[in-house]
Amino acid sequence: MKPVISIVIPVYNIRSDYLTACIRSATSQTLQDIEIICVDDCSTNNSLSLLREAARRDRRIRVIALDHNRGTCYARKAGVEAARGKYLLFLDADDTLEPDACSILYKQMMIHNVDILQFETRIIAESYLEPERILRSARNLQPYHGYLYGQDVLNGCFRNTLYRFTVWNKMYRTAMVKKAFRCLSADYLVKAEDAYTYFVIACHAKSYYGLSNCRLYNYHFGCGITGRTELSLRHLDLYCQNMCSWDALNGFVRSRNLPYYKNVFLPRFRMDLLMDCLKKYFVYLPQYMQEEGMNILRSYWREDELNKGFARIALPMAG
């Protein structure tokens, strides 16, 4: 008998206490008719052995072990391909679900009958994070409280900013998301991959609904690279790899008749990615590393793009 819901968890070198809590939150769902697909992206710590032990204790857990590190996007893709449930959730391995998340979302899917059902998020922030960053994250995770149909599912997110492209605070109709994921690149994508992934999903979705007063996902903000207050050169390079996701998105957009996204959105999104990396460079990279950091930036962006980004940063400082 097929499960009602598939929970896909990409895993790469997650701290054992976070991973244990994540798996426990999935296995403790009040809705029992689920499957939990854990995709280990060739972890070098004990993540895979922990997953296999969990699968030994609970037959609803299926473990997929990739033979080399492929990135978050590919790990999710492998999980989606294996999914058998009618509906699908993504769960990051350092986050958790509320115990009744699957039960509530399944009932709401029966009521609203949409391809994408977004719900609210509880942010569990590390103590060192500035309140402004936490509030900004909270705003970005809010659903659009209503229905969207057809092209408005895509435009509502990427043109009108009614809601944002985070992939893990939404439930999907599995048949739709399988079709979308067949269009995804197999390239190594670990930064800005949510934007690329959700863009492709939104292009395939015909309907969306956003729930209000329904916090079902616990997001641990600041325990990974996203919350860092000081960067190494390796982490700066990792951030700059957001351009790999831009390249993949550029290829997808150009394969479709989407003139606004080709002519307006893609150039703007490219500049947004650059500005994010420049902020990391100026604010979080120690000064003694900045010469080498500049070489990293130049390996991803053209000189004219960097100059335009520097000018944007200089304007607020001059004011």
Protein backbone atom coordinates (compact mmCIF):
# COMPACT_ATOMS: atom_id res chain seq x y z
CA MET A 1 0.00 0.00 0.00
CA LYS A 2 1.37 3.41 -1.00
CA PRO A 3 1.95 6.04 1.70
CA VAL A 4 -0.11 9.22 1.69
CA ILE A 5 2.87 11.56 2.19
CA SER A 6 6.56 11.33 1.32
CA ILE A 7 9.01 13.36 3.42
CA VAL A 8 12.30 13.94 1.57
CA ILE A 9 15.33 14.78 3.74
CA PRO A 10 18.66 15.65 2.05
CA VAL A 11 21.56 14.93 4.43
CA TYR A 12 25.18 16.04 4.32
CA ASN A 13 27.48 16.05 7.36
CA ILE A 14 24.76 17.12 9.79
CA ARG A 15 25.49 17.22 13.51
CA SER A 16 24.17 14.01 15.04
CA ASP A 17 21.93 15.78 17.59
CA TYR A 18 20.26 17.86 14.86
CA LEU A 19 19.83 14.85 12.57
CA THR A 20 18.43 12.70 15.38
CA ALA A 21 15.88 15.39 16.26
CA CYS A 22 14.94 15.79 12.59
CA ILE A 23 14.33 12.06 12.08
CA ARG A 24 12.44 11.81 15.37
CA SER A 25 10.13 14.65 14.31
CA ALA A 26 9.33 12.75 11.10
CA THR A 27 8.78 9.34 12.70
CA SER A 28 6.65 10.89 15.47
CA GLN A 29 4.03 12.29 13.08
CA THR A 30 0.48 11.64 14.24
CA LEU A 31 -0.33 10.62 10.66
CA GLN A 32 1.31 7.20 10.43
CA ASP A 33 0.77 6.54 6.72
CA ILE A 34 3.96 8.27 5.54
CA GLU A 35 7.37 7.40 4.15
CA ILE A 36 10.62 9.16 5.09
CA ILE A 37 13.22 9.26 2.32
CA CYS A 38 16.67 10.22 3.60
CA VAL A 39 19.23 10.97 0.88
CA ASP A 40 22.79 10.94 2.20
CA ASP A 41 24.93 13.12 -0.08
CA CYS A 42 28.14 11.15 0.59
CA SER A 43 28.61 12.46 4.13
CA THR A 44 32.06 12.13 5.67
CA ASN A 45 30.83 12.01 9.27
CA ASN A 46 28.50 9.48 10.94
CA SER A 47 25.31 10.72 9.24
CA LEU A 48 24.86 7.65 7.03
CA SER A 49 25.31 5.15 9.87
CA LEU A 50 22.83 7.12 11.97
CA LEU A 51 20.31 7.02 9.11
CA ARG A 52 20.74 3.29 8.59
CA GLU A 53 20.24 2.64 12.29
CA ALA A 54 17.06 4.74 12.22
CA ALA A 55 15.83 2.78 9.17
CA ARG A 56 16.47 -0.48 11.02
CA ARG A 57 14.16 0.70 13.81
CA ASP A 58 11.42 2.15 11.58
CA ARG A 59 10.53 0.50 8.27
CA ARG A 60 8.97 3.72 6.96
CA ILE A 61 12.48 5.19 6.60
CA ARG A 62 14.23 4.59 3.28
CA VAL A 63 17.90 5.53 2.93
CA ILE A 64 19.47 6.49 -0.40
CA ALA A 65 23.28 6.75 -0.24
CA LEU A 66 24.84 8.74 -3.09
CA ASP A 67 28.27 7.49 -4.15
CA HIS A 68 29.77 10.99 -4.34
CA ASN A 69 28.80 14.47 -3.18
CA ARG A 70 26.26 15.93 -5.65
CA GLY A 71 24.79 18.92 -3.79
CA THR A 72 21.42 19.66 -2.20
CA CYS A 73 19.51 20.04 -5.47
CA TYR A 74 20.56 16.61 -6.75
CA ALA A 75 19.92 14.97 -3.35
CA ARG A 76 16.36 16.31 -3.36
CA LYS A 77 15.97 15.16 -6.95
CA ALA A 78 16.97 11.61 -5.96
CA GLY A 79 14.42 11.69 -3.14
CA VAL A 80 11.64 12.95 -5.39
CA GLU A 81 12.33 10.21 -7.95
CA ALA A 82 11.94 7.59 -5.21
CA ALA A 83 8.80 9.12 -3.64
CA ARG A 84 5.61 7.02 -3.67
CA GLY A 85 3.24 9.24 -1.67
CA LYS A 86 0.43 11.29 -3.17
CA TYR A 87 1.88 14.41 -1.53
CA LEU A 88 5.44 15.43 -0.74
CA LEU A 89 7.30 17.55 1.82
CA PHE A 90 10.94 18.61 1.94
CA LEU A 91 12.59 18.70 5.37
CA ASP A 92 16.11 20.00 5.92
CA ALA A 93 18.16 17.72 8.16
CA ASP A 94 18.83 20.37 10.81
CA ASP A 95 15.14 21.34 11.12
CA THR A 96 12.04 19.63 12.53
CA LEU A 97 8.31 19.26 11.89
CA GLU A 98 5.55 19.74 14.42
CA PRO A 99 4.01 16.34 15.39
CA ASP A 100 0.70 17.03 13.62
CA ALA A 101 2.21 18.64 10.50
CA CYS A 102 1.43 15.80 8.09
CA SER A 103 -2.06 15.25 9.50
CA ILE A 104 -3.01 18.93 9.22
CA LEU A 105 -1.50 19.36 5.76
CA TYR A 106 -3.16 16.24 4.40
CA LYS A 107 -6.56 17.46 5.60
CA GLN A 108 -5.91 20.91 4.13
CA MET A 109 -4.89 19.37 0.81
CA MET A 110 -8.25 17.56 0.76
CA ILE A 111 -10.01 20.87 1.33
CA HIS A 112 -8.06 23.12 -1.05
CA ASN A 113 -7.01 20.59 -3.73
CA VAL A 114 -3.95 22.54 -4.96
CA ASP A 115 -0.54 21.65 -6.38
CA ILE A 116 1.29 23.72 -3.74
CA LEU A 117 0.16 24.32 -0.17
CA GLN A 118 2.31 26.74 1.83
CA PHE A 119 2.30 26.90 5.62
CA GLU A 120 3.94 29.04 8.29
CA THR A 121 7.32 28.56 9.95
CA ARG A 122 8.55 28.87 13.52
CA ILE A 123 12.06 30.37 13.59
CA ILE A 124 14.40 29.02 16.28
CA ALA A 125 17.28 31.49 16.05
CA GLU A 126 20.77 31.24 17.50
CA SER A 127 21.36 33.81 20.25
CA TYR A 128 24.09 35.71 18.38
CA LEU A 129 21.84 36.69 15.46
CA GLU A 130 20.69 40.31 15.19
CA PRO A 131 16.93 40.83 15.71
CA GLU A 132 16.73 42.58 12.32
CA ARG A 133 18.00 39.47 10.52
CA ILE A 134 15.48 37.29 12.34
CA LEU A 135 12.59 39.62 11.48
CA ARG A 136 13.67 39.77 7.83
CA SER A 137 13.77 35.99 7.69
CA ALA A 138 10.33 35.77 9.30
CA ARG A 139 8.87 38.14 6.69
CA ASN A 140 10.42 36.14 3.87
CA LEU A 141 8.85 32.91 5.13
CA GLN A 142 5.27 34.21 5.26
CA PRO A 143 2.78 32.58 2.87
CA TYR A 144 0.44 34.52 0.62
CA HIS A 145 -2.88 33.94 2.37
CA GLY A 146 -5.07 32.96 -0.55
CA TYR A 147 -5.26 31.15 -3.88
CA LEU A 148 -3.12 31.62 -6.98
CA TYR A 149 -3.78 29.91 -10.31
CA GLY A 150 -1.90 29.33 -13.56
CA GLN A 151 0.89 31.81 -14.36
CA ASP A 152 0.11 33.67 -11.12
CA VAL A 153 1.79 30.86 -9.14
CA LEU A 154 5.10 31.79 -10.79
CA ASN A 155 4.48 35.55 -10.99
CA GLY A 156 3.21 35.74 -7.42
CA CYS A 157 6.59 34.56 -6.19
CA PHE A 158 9.15 35.89 -8.67
CA ARG A 159 7.49 39.00 -10.11
CA ASN A 160 5.05 40.36 -7.52
CA THR A 161 6.77 39.05 -4.35
CA LEU A 162 3.52 37.88 -2.77
CA TYR A 163 5.46 34.98 -1.25
CA ARG A 164 9.01 33.59 -1.42
CA PHE A 165 10.69 30.61 -3.03
CA THR A 166 11.74 28.55 0.00
CA VAL A 167 11.04 24.92 -0.93
CA TRP A 168 10.69 23.38 2.54
CA ASN A 169 7.69 25.33 3.87
CA LYS A 170 5.32 23.92 1.26
CA MET A 171 3.53 20.64 0.55
CA TYR A 172 3.39 19.54 -3.09
CA ARG A 173 1.33 17.22 -5.21
CA THR A 174 3.92 14.52 -5.93
CA ALA A 175 2.95 13.90 -9.56
CA MET A 176 3.48 17.59 -10.35
CA VAL A 177 6.79 17.88 -8.52
CA LYS A 178 8.13 14.71 -10.17
CA LYS A 179 7.42 16.24 -13.57
CA ALA A 180 9.15 19.47 -12.52
CA PHE A 181 12.22 17.72 -11.12
CA ARG A 182 12.78 15.89 -14.39
CA CYS A 183 13.60 19.34 -15.82
CA LEU A 184 16.21 20.15 -13.15
CA SER A 185 19.92 20.20 -13.87
CA ALA A 186 22.09 17.40 -12.47
CA ASP A 187 24.86 19.94 -11.75
CA TYR A 188 26.36 20.45 -8.28
CA LEU A 189 24.16 23.17 -6.74
CA VAL A 190 24.36 24.15 -3.07
CA LYS A 191 23.70 27.93 -2.98
CA ALA A 192 20.62 29.71 -4.38
CA GLU A 193 19.37 26.26 -5.38
CA ASP A 194 16.01 26.94 -3.70
CA ALA A 195 15.32 29.82 -6.13
CA TYR A 196 16.15 27.68 -9.15
CA THR A 197 14.28 24.63 -7.85
CA TYR A 198 11.14 26.53 -6.90
CA PHE A 199 11.12 28.49 -10.17
CA VAL A 200 10.93 25.20 -12.08
CA ILE A 201 8.27 23.86 -9.70
CA ALA A 202 6.17 27.05 -10.02
CA CYS A 203 6.32 26.78 -13.82
CA HIS A 204 4.73 23.34 -13.58
CA ALA A 205 2.18 24.10 -10.85
CA LYS A 206 -1.37 25.09 -11.73
CA SER A 207 -2.55 26.12 -8.26
CA TYR A 208 -1.29 27.46 -4.90
CA TYR A 209 -2.84 28.17 -1.52
CA GLY A 210 -1.23 29.74 1.55
CA LEU A 211 -2.44 28.78 5.03
CA SER A 212 -2.69 31.30 7.86
CA ASN A 213 -2.06 30.67 11.57
CA CYS A 214 -0.50 27.31 10.86
CA ARG A 215 3.13 27.01 12.05
CA LEU A 216 4.21 23.48 11.27
CA TYR A 217 7.92 23.74 10.41
CA ASN A 218 10.69 24.58 12.91
CA TYR A 219 13.56 26.36 11.14
CA HIS A 220 16.85 26.42 13.05
CA PHE A 221 18.26 29.74 11.85
CA GLY A 222 21.98 30.27 12.36
CA CYS A 223 23.16 26.70 12.92
CA GLY A 224 24.49 26.39 9.34
CA ILE A 225 26.36 28.61 6.90
CA THR A 226 23.34 30.92 6.44
CA GLY A 227 23.73 32.40 9.90
CA ARG A 228 27.49 32.89 9.95
CA THR A 229 28.90 36.18 11.24
CA GLU A 230 32.48 35.51 10.07
CA LEU A 231 33.47 33.85 6.83
CA SER A 232 36.46 31.86 5.64
CA LEU A 233 37.68 31.93 2.04
CA ARG A 234 36.15 28.49 1.56
CA HIS A 235 32.75 29.74 2.67
CA LEU A 236 33.01 32.84 0.48
CA ASP A 237 33.67 30.55 -2.48
CA LEU A 238 30.66 28.46 -1.46
CA TYR A 239 28.45 31.57 -1.46
CA CYS A 240 29.79 32.55 -4.88
CA GLN A 241 28.65 29.20 -6.20
CA ASN A 242 25.17 30.73 -6.27
CA MET A 243 26.18 31.60 -9.84
CA CYS A 244 25.94 27.90 -10.72
CA SER A 245 22.25 28.05 -9.78
CA TRP A 246 21.88 31.23 -11.86
CA ASP A 247 23.39 29.43 -14.86
CA ALA A 248 20.93 26.55 -14.42
CA LEU A 249 17.99 28.95 -14.08
CA ASN A 250 19.18 30.92 -17.11
CA GLY A 251 19.20 27.73 -19.18
CA PHE A 252 15.69 26.79 -18.05
CA VAL A 253 14.22 30.26 -18.70
CA ARG A 254 15.73 30.43 -22.18
CA SER A 255 14.18 27.06 -23.02
CA ARG A 256 10.71 28.55 -22.44
CA ASN A 257 8.69 31.50 -23.70
CA LEU A 258 9.18 33.73 -20.65
CA PRO A 259 10.24 37.17 -21.97
CA TYR A 260 9.89 39.04 -18.64
CA TYR A 261 12.04 36.52 -16.83
CA LYS A 262 14.63 36.46 -19.60
CA ASN A 263 14.92 40.24 -20.03
CA VAL A 264 14.14 41.64 -16.57
CA PHE A 265 14.22 39.01 -13.84
CA LEU A 266 17.41 37.16 -14.76
CA PRO A 267 19.67 40.26 -14.94
CA ARG A 268 18.16 41.58 -11.69
CA PHE A 269 18.55 38.22 -9.96
CA ARG A 270 22.16 37.97 -11.12
CA MET A 271 22.90 41.38 -9.59
CA ASP A 272 21.10 40.38 -6.36
CA LEU A 273 23.34 37.32 -6.07
CA LEU A 274 26.43 39.46 -6.63
CA MET A 275 25.34 42.01 -4.02
CA ASP A 276 24.77 39.24 -1.50
CA CYS A 277 28.31 37.94 -2.07
CA LEU A 278 29.79 41.45 -1.90
CA LYS A 279 28.04 41.98 1.43
CA LYS A 280 29.54 38.73 2.72
CA TYR A 281 32.94 39.86 1.39
CA PHE A 282 32.92 43.33 2.99
CA VAL A 283 31.09 42.57 6.25
CA TYR A 284 32.00 39.00 7.21
CA LEU A 285 35.36 38.23 5.58
CA PRO A 286 38.35 39.22 7.79
CA GLN A 287 40.33 42.07 6.24
CA TYR A 288 43.55 40.07 5.91
CA MET A 289 41.70 37.61 3.63
CA GLN A 290 40.14 40.21 1.35
CA GLU A 291 42.83 40.22 -1.34
CA GLU A 292 42.42 36.47 -1.84
CA GLY A 293 38.68 36.93 -1.50
CA MET A 294 38.70 39.39 -4.39
CA ASN A 295 40.33 36.75 -6.58
CA ILE A 296 37.46 34.41 -5.70
CA LEU A 297 34.90 37.06 -6.68
CA ARG A 298 36.68 37.66 -10.00
CA SER A 299 36.52 33.96 -10.80
CA TYR A 300 32.70 34.14 -10.81
CA TRP A 301 31.85 37.66 -12.04
CA ARG A 302 33.06 39.92 -14.82
CA GLU A 303 34.99 43.07 -13.93
CA ASP A 304 32.18 45.37 -15.14
CA GLU A 305 29.69 43.53 -12.92
CA LEU A 306 31.96 43.86 -9.90
CA ASN A 307 32.44 47.59 -10.58
CA LYS A 308 28.68 48.08 -10.76
CA GLY A 309 28.30 46.22 -7.47
CA PHE A 310 31.02 48.28 -5.79
CA ALA A 311 29.27 51.47 -6.96
CA ARG A 312 25.99 50.33 -5.40
CA ILE A 313 27.71 49.67 -2.09
CA ALA A 314 29.52 53.04 -2.20
CA LEU A 315 26.31 55.06 -2.69
CA PRO A 316 24.80 54.41 0.79
CA MET A 317 28.22 54.95 2.36
CA ALA A 318 28.54 58.32 0.60
CA GLY A 319 25.09 59.36 1.80
